[in-house]
Every structure is written in C-alpha cells, then in structure tokens.
PDB file of N, CA and C in Angstrom:
ATOM      1  N   UNK A   1       0.810  -1.192   0.000  1.00  0.00           N
ATOM      2  CA  UNK A   1       0.000   0.000   0.000  1.00  0.00           C
ATOM      3  C   UNK A   1       0.861   1.267   0.000  1.00  0.00           C
ATOM      4  N   UNK A   2       2.045   1.198   0.570  1.00  0.00           N
ATOM      5  CA  UNK A   2       2.914   2.372   0.611  1.00  0.00           C
ATOM      6  C   UNK A   2       3.248   2.834  -0.808  1.00  0.00           C
ATOM      7  N   UNK A   3       3.505   1.897  -1.688  1.00  0.00           N
ATOM      8  CA  UNK A   3       3.832   2.246  -3.073  1.00  0.00           C
ATOM      9  C   UNK A   3       2.633   2.921  -3.735  1.00  0.00           C
ATOM     10  N   UNK A   4       1.446   2.373  -3.544  1.00  0.00           N
ATOM     11  CA  UNK A   4       0.232   2.960  -4.120  1.00  0.00           C
ATOM     12  C   UNK A   4       0.016   4.367  -3.570  1.00  0.00           C
ATOM     13  N   UNK A   5       0.177   4.534  -2.269  1.00  0.00           N
ATOM     14  CA  UNK A   5      -0.001   5.855  -1.656  1.00  0.00           C
ATOM     15  C   UNK A   5       1.018   6.856  -2.201  1.00  0.00           C
ATOM     16  N   UNK A   6       2.270   6.429  -2.327  1.00  0.00           N
ATOM     17  CA  UNK A   6       3.308   7.322  -2.858  1.00  0.00           C
ATOM     18  C   UNK A   6       2.994   7.730  -4.290  1.00  0.00           C
ATOM     19  N   UNK A   7       2.621   6.762  -5.100  1.00  0.00           N
ATOM     20  CA  UNK A   7       2.287   7.061  -6.492  1.00  0.00           C
ATOM     21  C   UNK A   7       1.064   7.978  -6.558  1.00  0.00           C
ATOM     22  N   UNK A   8       0.085   7.716  -5.726  1.00  0.00           N
ATOM     23  CA  UNK A   8      -1.111   8.542  -5.697  1.00  0.00           C
ATOM     24  C   UNK A   8      -0.834   9.979  -5.303  1.00  0.00           C
ATOM     25  N   UNK A   9       0.210  10.172  -4.509  1.00  0.00           N
ATOM     26  CA  UNK A   9       0.615  11.523  -4.100  1.00  0.00           C
ATOM     27  C   UNK A   9       1.503  12.201  -5.137  1.00  0.00           C
ATOM     28  N   UNK A  10       1.800  11.498  -6.217  1.00  0.00           N
ATOM     29  CA  UNK A  10       2.613  12.090  -7.275  1.00  0.00           C
ATOM     30  C   UNK A  10       4.103  11.938  -7.076  1.00  0.00           C
ATOM     31  N   UNK A  11       4.504  10.932  -6.319  1.00  0.00           N
ATOM     32  CA  UNK A  11       5.932  10.665  -6.117  1.00  0.00           C
ATOM     33  C   UNK A  11       6.395   9.598  -7.102  1.00  0.00           C
ATOM     34  N   UNK A  12       7.555   9.800  -7.690  1.00  0.00           N
ATOM     35  CA  UNK A  12       8.170   8.760  -8.503  1.00  0.00           C
ATOM     36  C   UNK A  12       8.660   7.672  -7.563  1.00  0.00           C
ATOM     37  N   UNK A  13       8.547   6.417  -7.979  1.00  0.00           N
ATOM     38  CA  UNK A  13       8.921   5.313  -7.097  1.00  0.00           C
ATOM     39  C   UNK A  13      10.020   4.456  -7.701  1.00  0.00           C
ATOM     40  N   UNK A  14      10.857   3.928  -6.816  1.00  0.00           N
ATOM     41  CA  UNK A  14      11.870   2.931  -7.140  1.00  0.00           C
ATOM     42  C   UNK A  14      11.534   1.728  -6.271  1.00  0.00           C
ATOM     43  N   UNK A  15      11.260   0.590  -6.915  1.00  0.00           N
ATOM     44  CA  UNK A  15      10.782  -0.581  -6.182  1.00  0.00           C
ATOM     45  C   UNK A  15      11.523  -1.832  -6.620  1.00  0.00           C
ATOM     46  N   UNK A  16      11.551  -2.819  -5.721  1.00  0.00           N
ATOM     47  CA  UNK A  16      12.156  -4.098  -6.087  1.00  0.00           C
ATOM     48  C   UNK A  16      11.138  -4.952  -6.839  1.00  0.00           C
ATOM     49  N   UNK A  17      11.646  -5.859  -7.621  1.00  0.00           N
ATOM     50  CA  UNK A  17      10.831  -6.707  -8.484  1.00  0.00           C
ATOM     51  C   UNK A  17      10.271  -7.887  -7.685  1.00  0.00           C
ATOM     52  N   UNK A  18       9.151  -7.661  -7.041  1.00  0.00           N
ATOM     53  CA  UNK A  18       8.455  -8.728  -6.313  1.00  0.00           C
ATOM     54  C   UNK A  18       7.035  -8.818  -6.868  1.00  0.00           C
ATOM     55  N   UNK A  19       6.395  -9.982  -6.774  1.00  0.00           N
ATOM     56  CA  UNK A  19       5.113 -10.196  -7.451  1.00  0.00           C
ATOM     57  C   UNK A  19       4.047  -9.128  -7.214  1.00  0.00           C
ATOM     58  N   UNK A  20       3.771  -8.744  -6.007  1.00  0.00           N
ATOM     59  CA  UNK A  20       2.698  -7.772  -5.759  1.00  0.00           C
ATOM     60  C   UNK A  20       3.012  -6.417  -6.372  1.00  0.00           C
ATOM     61  N   UNK A  21       4.271  -6.057  -6.386  1.00  0.00           N
ATOM     62  CA  UNK A  21       4.675  -4.764  -6.944  1.00  0.00           C
ATOM     63  C   UNK A  21       4.538  -4.774  -8.463  1.00  0.00           C
ATOM     64  N   UNK A  22       4.826  -5.905  -9.101  1.00  0.00           N
ATOM     65  CA  UNK A  22       4.717  -6.003 -10.559  1.00  0.00           C
ATOM     66  C   UNK A  22       3.305  -5.719 -11.054  1.00  0.00           C
ATOM     67  N   UNK A  23       2.312  -5.929 -10.205  1.00  0.00           N
ATOM     68  CA  UNK A  23       0.929  -5.646 -10.589  1.00  0.00           C
ATOM     69  C   UNK A  23       0.645  -4.150 -10.623  1.00  0.00           C
ATOM     70  N   UNK A  24       1.482  -3.360  -9.988  1.00  0.00           N
ATOM     71  CA  UNK A  24       1.244  -1.928  -9.851  1.00  0.00           C
ATOM     72  C   UNK A  24       2.234  -1.099 -10.660  1.00  0.00           C
ATOM     73  N   UNK A  25       3.519  -1.466 -10.591  1.00  0.00           N
ATOM     74  CA  UNK A  25       4.579  -0.652 -11.199  1.00  0.00           C
ATOM     75  C   UNK A  25       5.171  -1.364 -12.409  1.00  0.00           C
ATOM     76  N   UNK A  26       5.228  -0.651 -13.522  1.00  0.00           N
ATOM     77  CA  UNK A  26       5.867  -1.149 -14.737  1.00  0.00           C
ATOM     78  C   UNK A  26       7.137  -0.341 -14.963  1.00  0.00           C
ATOM     79  N   UNK A  27       8.250  -1.030 -15.095  1.00  0.00           N
ATOM     80  CA  UNK A  27       9.548  -0.375 -15.231  1.00  0.00           C
ATOM     81  C   UNK A  27       9.553   0.585 -16.416  1.00  0.00           C
ATOM     82  N   UNK A  28       9.940   1.824 -16.130  1.00  0.00           N
ATOM     83  CA  UNK A  28      10.054   2.827 -17.171  1.00  0.00           C
ATOM     84  C   UNK A  28       8.730   3.437 -17.600  1.00  0.00           C
ATOM     85  N   UNK A  29       7.624   2.879 -17.122  1.00  0.00           N
ATOM     86  CA  UNK A  29       6.304   3.400 -17.474  1.00  0.00           C
ATOM     87  C   UNK A  29       5.780   4.290 -16.355  1.00  0.00           C
ATOM     88  N   UNK A  30       5.743   3.740 -15.133  1.00  0.00           N
ATOM     89  CA  UNK A  30       5.255   4.524 -13.991  1.00  0.00           C
ATOM     90  C   UNK A  30       6.127   4.356 -12.753  1.00  0.00           C
ATOM     91  N   UNK A  31       7.346   3.893 -12.960  1.00  0.00           N
ATOM     92  CA  UNK A  31       8.300   3.730 -11.874  1.00  0.00           C
ATOM     93  C   UNK A  31       9.561   3.058 -12.386  1.00  0.00           C
ATOM     94  N   UNK A  32      10.503   2.874 -11.476  1.00  0.00           N
ATOM     95  CA  UNK A  32      11.733   2.158 -11.799  1.00  0.00           C
ATOM     96  C   UNK A  32      11.751   0.893 -10.951  1.00  0.00           C
ATOM     97  N   UNK A  33      11.946  -0.238 -11.605  1.00  0.00           N
ATOM     98  CA  UNK A  33      11.953  -1.535 -10.934  1.00  0.00           C
ATOM     99  C   UNK A  33      13.355  -2.113 -11.035  1.00  0.00           C
ATOM    100  N   UNK A  34      13.881  -2.597  -9.906  1.00  0.00           N
ATOM    101  CA  UNK A  34      15.198  -3.225  -9.898  1.00  0.00           C
ATOM    102  C   UNK A  34      15.060  -4.639  -9.324  1.00  0.00           C
ATOM    103  N   UNK A  35      15.987  -5.545  -9.665  1.00  0.00           N
ATOM    104  CA  UNK A  35      15.905  -6.923  -9.155  1.00  0.00           C
ATOM    105  C   UNK A  35      16.017  -6.955  -7.629  1.00  0.00           C
ATOM    106  N   UNK A  36      15.120  -7.688  -6.994  1.00  0.00           N
ATOM    107  CA  UNK A  36      15.138  -7.815  -5.533  1.00  0.00           C
ATOM    108  C   UNK A  36      16.492  -8.334  -5.066  1.00  0.00           C
ATOM    109  N   UNK A  37      17.023  -7.713  -4.041  1.00  0.00           N
ATOM    110  CA  UNK A  37      18.296  -8.132  -3.459  1.00  0.00           C
ATOM    111  C   UNK A  37      19.528  -7.602  -4.163  1.00  0.00           C
ATOM    112  N   UNK A  38      19.365  -6.852  -5.222  1.00  0.00           N
ATOM    113  CA  UNK A  38      20.504  -6.341  -5.985  1.00  0.00           C
ATOM    114  C   UNK A  38      20.775  -4.888  -5.573  1.00  0.00           C
ATOM    115  N   UNK A  39      21.648  -4.720  -4.582  1.00  0.00           N
ATOM    116  CA  UNK A  39      21.915  -3.385  -4.052  1.00  0.00           C
ATOM    117  C   UNK A  39      22.602  -2.487  -5.083  1.00  0.00           C
ATOM    118  N   UNK A  40      23.367  -3.067  -5.965  1.00  0.00           N
ATOM    119  CA  UNK A  40      24.004  -2.282  -7.022  1.00  0.00           C
ATOM    120  C   UNK A  40      22.970  -1.700  -7.973  1.00  0.00           C
ATOM    121  N   UNK A  41      21.991  -2.508  -8.345  1.00  0.00           N
ATOM    122  CA  UNK A  41      20.918  -2.039  -9.227  1.00  0.00           C
ATOM    123  C   UNK A  41      20.076  -0.971  -8.526  1.00  0.00           C
ATOM    124  N   UNK A  42      19.866  -1.135  -7.222  1.00  0.00           N
ATOM    125  CA  UNK A  42      19.139  -0.132  -6.453  1.00  0.00           C
ATOM    126  C   UNK A  42      19.888   1.195  -6.486  1.00  0.00           C
ATOM    127  N   UNK A  43      21.197   1.141  -6.284  1.00  0.00           N
ATOM    128  CA  UNK A  43      22.013   2.362  -6.302  1.00  0.00           C
ATOM    129  C   UNK A  43      21.937   3.049  -7.663  1.00  0.00           C
ATOM    130  N   UNK A  44      22.006   2.273  -8.737  1.00  0.00           N
ATOM    131  CA  UNK A  44      21.920   2.840 -10.086  1.00  0.00           C
ATOM    132  C   UNK A  44      20.548   3.476 -10.296  1.00  0.00           C
ATOM    133  N   UNK A  45      19.487   2.782  -9.871  1.00  0.00           N
ATOM    134  CA  UNK A  45      18.126   3.301 -10.039  1.00  0.00           C
ATOM    135  C   UNK A  45      17.933   4.605  -9.265  1.00  0.00           C
ATOM    136  N   UNK A  46      18.408   4.643  -8.037  1.00  0.00           N
ATOM    137  CA  UNK A  46      18.273   5.859  -7.232  1.00  0.00           C
ATOM    138  C   UNK A  46      19.072   7.008  -7.829  1.00  0.00           C
ATOM    139  N   UNK A  47      20.261   6.723  -8.322  1.00  0.00           N
ATOM    140  CA  UNK A  47      21.077   7.758  -8.945  1.00  0.00           C
ATOM    141  C   UNK A  47      20.411   8.277 -10.215  1.00  0.00           C
ATOM    142  N   UNK A  48      19.823   7.373 -10.978  1.00  0.00           N
ATOM    143  CA  UNK A  48      19.116   7.771 -12.200  1.00  0.00           C
ATOM    144  C   UNK A  48      17.947   8.696 -11.859  1.00  0.00           C
ATOM    145  N   UNK A  49      17.187   8.344 -10.840  1.00  0.00           N
ATOM    146  CA  UNK A  49      16.049   9.175 -10.441  1.00  0.00           C
ATOM    147  C   UNK A  49      16.514  10.527  -9.895  1.00  0.00           C
ATOM    148  N   UNK A  50      17.622  10.515  -9.169  1.00  0.00           N
ATOM    149  CA  UNK A  50      18.144  11.760  -8.595  1.00  0.00           C
ATOM    150  C   UNK A  50      18.604  12.713  -9.682  1.00  0.00           C
ATOM    151  N   UNK A  51      19.243  12.175 -10.690  1.00  0.00           N
ATOM    152  CA  UNK A  51      19.884  13.035 -11.688  1.00  0.00           C
ATOM    153  C   UNK A  51      19.000  13.387 -12.886  1.00  0.00           C
ATOM    154  N   UNK A  52      17.949  12.633 -13.135  1.00  0.00           N
ATOM    155  CA  UNK A  52      17.126  12.857 -14.324  1.00  0.00           C
ATOM    156  C   UNK A  52      15.756  13.413 -13.919  1.00  0.00           C
ATOM    157  N   UNK A  53      15.669  14.732 -13.858  1.00  0.00           N
ATOM    158  CA  UNK A  53      14.456  15.398 -13.406  1.00  0.00           C
ATOM    159  C   UNK A  53      13.278  15.093 -14.333  1.00  0.00           C
ATOM    160  N   UNK A  54      13.510  15.109 -15.633  1.00  0.00           N
ATOM    161  CA  UNK A  54      12.429  14.850 -16.592  1.00  0.00           C
ATOM    162  C   UNK A  54      11.869  13.435 -16.409  1.00  0.00           C
ATOM    163  N   UNK A  55      12.748  12.456 -16.229  1.00  0.00           N
ATOM    164  CA  UNK A  55      12.306  11.075 -15.985  1.00  0.00           C
ATOM    165  C   UNK A  55      11.485  11.011 -14.709  1.00  0.00           C
ATOM    166  N   UNK A  56      11.991  11.611 -13.667  1.00  0.00           N
ATOM    167  CA  UNK A  56      11.304  11.603 -12.372  1.00  0.00           C
ATOM    168  C   UNK A  56       9.909  12.211 -12.492  1.00  0.00           C
ATOM    169  N   UNK A  57       9.800  13.314 -13.178  1.00  0.00           N
ATOM    170  CA  UNK A  57       8.495  13.964 -13.351  1.00  0.00           C
ATOM    171  C   UNK A  57       7.555  13.118 -14.204  1.00  0.00           C
ATOM    172  N   UNK A  58       8.073  12.538 -15.274  1.00  0.00           N
ATOM    173  CA  UNK A  58       7.248  11.706 -16.150  1.00  0.00           C
ATOM    174  C   UNK A  58       6.721  10.487 -15.409  1.00  0.00           C
ATOM    175  N   UNK A  59       7.595   9.813 -14.657  1.00  0.00           N
ATOM    176  CA  UNK A  59       7.176   8.635 -13.912  1.00  0.00           C
ATOM    177  C   UNK A  59       6.191   8.991 -12.800  1.00  0.00           C
ATOM    178  N   UNK A  60       6.412  10.120 -12.149  1.00  0.00           N
ATOM    179  CA  UNK A  60       5.504  10.553 -11.078  1.00  0.00           C
ATOM    180  C   UNK A  60       4.113  10.823 -11.638  1.00  0.00           C
ATOM    181  N   UNK A  61       4.044  11.513 -12.767  1.00  0.00           N
ATOM    182  CA  UNK A  61       2.756  11.811 -13.393  1.00  0.00           C
ATOM    183  C   UNK A  61       2.066  10.533 -13.852  1.00  0.00           C
ATOM    184  N   UNK A  62       2.811   9.672 -14.503  1.00  0.00           N
ATOM    185  CA  UNK A  62       2.259   8.408 -14.993  1.00  0.00           C
ATOM    186  C   UNK A  62       1.807   7.511 -13.835  1.00  0.00           C
ATOM    187  N   UNK A  63       2.583   7.507 -12.763  1.00  0.00           N
ATOM    188  CA  UNK A  63       2.224   6.708 -11.592  1.00  0.00           C
ATOM    189  C   UNK A  63       0.942   7.190 -10.948  1.00  0.00           C
ATOM    190  N   UNK A  64       0.800   8.490 -10.829  1.00  0.00           N
ATOM    191  CA  UNK A  64      -0.433   9.048 -10.243  1.00  0.00           C
ATOM    192  C   UNK A  64      -1.645   8.683 -11.088  1.00  0.00           C
ATOM    193  N   UNK A  65      -1.518   8.811 -12.393  1.00  0.00           N
ATOM    194  CA  UNK A  65      -2.617   8.453 -13.280  1.00  0.00           C
ATOM    195  C   UNK A  65      -2.968   6.969 -13.176  1.00  0.00           C
ATOM    196  N   UNK A  66      -1.947   6.123 -13.077  1.00  0.00           N
ATOM    197  CA  UNK A  66      -2.189   4.678 -12.948  1.00  0.00           C
ATOM    198  C   UNK A  66      -2.966   4.362 -11.671  1.00  0.00           C
ATOM    199  N   UNK A  67      -2.603   5.015 -10.575  1.00  0.00           N
ATOM    200  CA  UNK A  67      -3.300   4.790  -9.310  1.00  0.00           C
ATOM    201  C   UNK A  67      -4.738   5.282  -9.408  1.00  0.00           C
ATOM    202  N   UNK A  68      -4.933   6.440 -10.003  1.00  0.00           N
ATOM    203  CA  UNK A  68      -6.295   6.958 -10.145  1.00  0.00           C
ATOM    204  C   UNK A  68      -7.152   6.033 -11.005  1.00  0.00           C
ATOM    205  N   UNK A  69      -6.551   5.457 -12.037  1.00  0.00           N
ATOM    206  CA  UNK A  69      -7.296   4.542 -12.900  1.00  0.00           C
ATOM    207  C   UNK A  69      -7.615   3.226 -12.204  1.00  0.00           C
ATOM    208  N   UNK A  70      -6.704   2.729 -11.379  1.00  0.00           N
ATOM    209  CA  UNK A  70      -6.867   1.408 -10.783  1.00  0.00           C
ATOM    210  C   UNK A  70      -7.508   1.426  -9.405  1.00  0.00           C
ATOM    211  N   UNK A  71      -7.290   2.482  -8.630  1.00  0.00           N
ATOM    212  CA  UNK A  71      -7.673   2.437  -7.226  1.00  0.00           C
ATOM    213  C   UNK A  71      -8.625   3.536  -6.775  1.00  0.00           C
ATOM    214  N   UNK A  72      -8.940   4.481  -7.636  1.00  0.00           N
ATOM    215  CA  UNK A  72      -9.836   5.565  -7.249  1.00  0.00           C
ATOM    216  C   UNK A  72     -11.235   5.010  -6.964  1.00  0.00           C
ATOM    217  N   UNK A  73     -11.874   5.492  -5.904  1.00  0.00           N
ATOM    218  CA  UNK A  73     -13.192   4.981  -5.508  1.00  0.00           C
ATOM    219  C   UNK A  73     -14.219   5.197  -6.592  1.00  0.00           C
ATOM    220  N   UNK A  74     -14.227   6.364  -7.219  1.00  0.00           N
ATOM    221  CA  UNK A  74     -15.236   6.608  -8.252  1.00  0.00           C
ATOM    222  C   UNK A  74     -15.043   5.672  -9.439  1.00  0.00           C
ATOM    223  N   UNK A  75     -13.792   5.365  -9.767  1.00  0.00           N
ATOM    224  CA  UNK A  75     -13.516   4.409 -10.837  1.00  0.00           C
ATOM    225  C   UNK A  75     -13.996   3.025 -10.434  1.00  0.00           C
ATOM    226  N   UNK A  76     -13.709   2.633  -9.201  1.00  0.00           N
ATOM    227  CA  UNK A  76     -14.143   1.315  -8.722  1.00  0.00           C
ATOM    228  C   UNK A  76     -15.658   1.215  -8.699  1.00  0.00           C
ATOM    229  N   UNK A  77     -16.332   2.257  -8.235  1.00  0.00           N
ATOM    230  CA  UNK A  77     -17.796   2.251  -8.199  1.00  0.00           C
ATOM    231  C   UNK A  77     -18.354   2.121  -9.612  1.00  0.00           C
ATOM    232  N   UNK A  78     -17.771   2.847 -10.549  1.00  0.00           N
ATOM    233  CA  UNK A  78     -18.221   2.757 -11.936  1.00  0.00           C
ATOM    234  C   UNK A  78     -18.071   1.329 -12.458  1.00  0.00           C
ATOM    235  N   UNK A  79     -16.946   0.699 -12.183  1.00  0.00           N
ATOM    236  CA  UNK A  79     -16.727  -0.688 -12.639  1.00  0.00           C
ATOM    237  C   UNK A  79     -17.761  -1.621 -12.041  1.00  0.00           C
ATOM    238  N   UNK A  80     -18.067  -1.443 -10.747  1.00  0.00           N
ATOM    239  CA  UNK A  80     -19.073  -2.289 -10.105  1.00  0.00           C
ATOM    240  C   UNK A  80     -20.462  -2.038 -10.688  1.00  0.00           C
ATOM    241  N   UNK A  81     -20.766  -0.799 -11.012  1.00  0.00           N
ATOM    242  CA  UNK A  81     -22.065  -0.490 -11.619  1.00  0.00           C
ATOM    243  C   UNK A  81     -22.205  -1.191 -12.966  1.00  0.00           C
ATOM    244  N   UNK A  82     -21.159  -1.139 -13.769  1.00  0.00           N
ATOM    245  CA  UNK A  82     -21.178  -1.797 -15.074  1.00  0.00           C
ATOM    246  C   UNK A  82     -21.344  -3.299 -14.886  1.00  0.00           C
ATOM    247  N   UNK A  83     -20.586  -3.875 -13.971  1.00  0.00           N
ATOM    248  CA  UNK A  83     -20.682  -5.311 -13.704  1.00  0.00           C
ATOM    249  C   UNK A  83     -22.079  -5.684 -13.222  1.00  0.00           C
ATOM    250  N   UNK A  84     -22.630  -4.890 -12.315  1.00  0.00           N
ATOM    251  CA  UNK A  84     -23.968  -5.146 -11.783  1.00  0.00           C
ATOM    252  C   UNK A  84     -25.005  -5.114 -12.895  1.00  0.00           C
ATOM    253  N   UNK A  85     -24.906  -4.132 -13.773  1.00  0.00           N
ATOM    254  CA  UNK A  85     -25.862  -4.033 -14.887  1.00  0.00           C
ATOM    255  C   UNK A  85     -25.742  -5.230 -15.822  1.00  0.00           C
ATOM    256  N   UNK A  86     -24.530  -5.700 -16.030  1.00  0.00           N
ATOM    257  CA  UNK A  86     -24.341  -6.889 -16.866  1.00  0.00           C
ATOM    258  C   UNK A  86     -24.977  -8.118 -16.208  1.00  0.00           C
ATOM    259  N   UNK A  87     -24.864  -8.215 -14.903  1.00  0.00           N
ATOM    260  CA  UNK A  87     -25.459  -9.344 -14.190  1.00  0.00           C
ATOM    261  C   UNK A  87     -26.985  -9.273 -14.221  1.00  0.00           C
ATOM    262  N   UNK A  88     -27.540  -8.070 -14.173  1.00  0.00           N
ATOM    263  CA  UNK A  88     -28.994  -7.891 -14.237  1.00  0.00           C
ATOM    264  C   UNK A  88     -29.546  -8.383 -15.567  1.00  0.00           C
ATOM    265  N   UNK A  89     -28.814  -8.118 -16.625  1.00  0.00           N
ATOM    266  CA  UNK A  89     -29.252  -8.506 -17.968  1.00  0.00           C
ATOM    267  C   UNK A  89     -29.277 -10.008 -18.095  1.00  0.00           C
ATOM    268  N   UNK A  90     -28.309 -10.662 -17.507  1.00  0.00           N
ATOM    269  CA  UNK A  90     -28.216 -12.125 -17.600  1.00  0.00           C
ATOM    270  C   UNK A  90     -29.128 -12.721 -16.586  1.00  0.00           C
TER     271      UNK A  90
END
C-alpha cells in the first residue's frame, strides 16, 4: 500500500521486483523496478532518479494516473455499476 499511496501523491517510485509490486509498477512506465536483493541495481536506479528530473516527473505523473485509474473509488464504483448491470441482464 505504501507504493500505491506514494504514487497517488505524485511521487516517482523505485521498487524491487516482487510479485505484488509487478501488478502496480511497470519499469520505465510509472516507476523504476530493480531486481530484488541487488543493491548495485538499487544504487543505479536511485542515482538515475536523482539526476534525471524529466524522468522523475514523467514517472511521477504516470504513476499518479495509474493509481487513479486502478484504485480511485469513483472508478471502482463505476466498474461495479457496469458489472452489476451486466449481471442484471443475464
């Protein structure tokens, strides 16, 4: 949840490649993903985020949009309404 909250607040994220995170963060799309346990890769990822302002801003914006699309209550309610209407028809 910390990753989702950070992305929702518009923060660029650097995360390790673990199953639950892969469902939320796509490397280079809405965050930077490094192999779990690889401290060298973590250092490179953090340095890249520190030094590349445009990348950081792009990932932060993309991450926020991804969270709003996947986790926003109004989006979830809309999906449930559509599903409910489909069930009513059947």
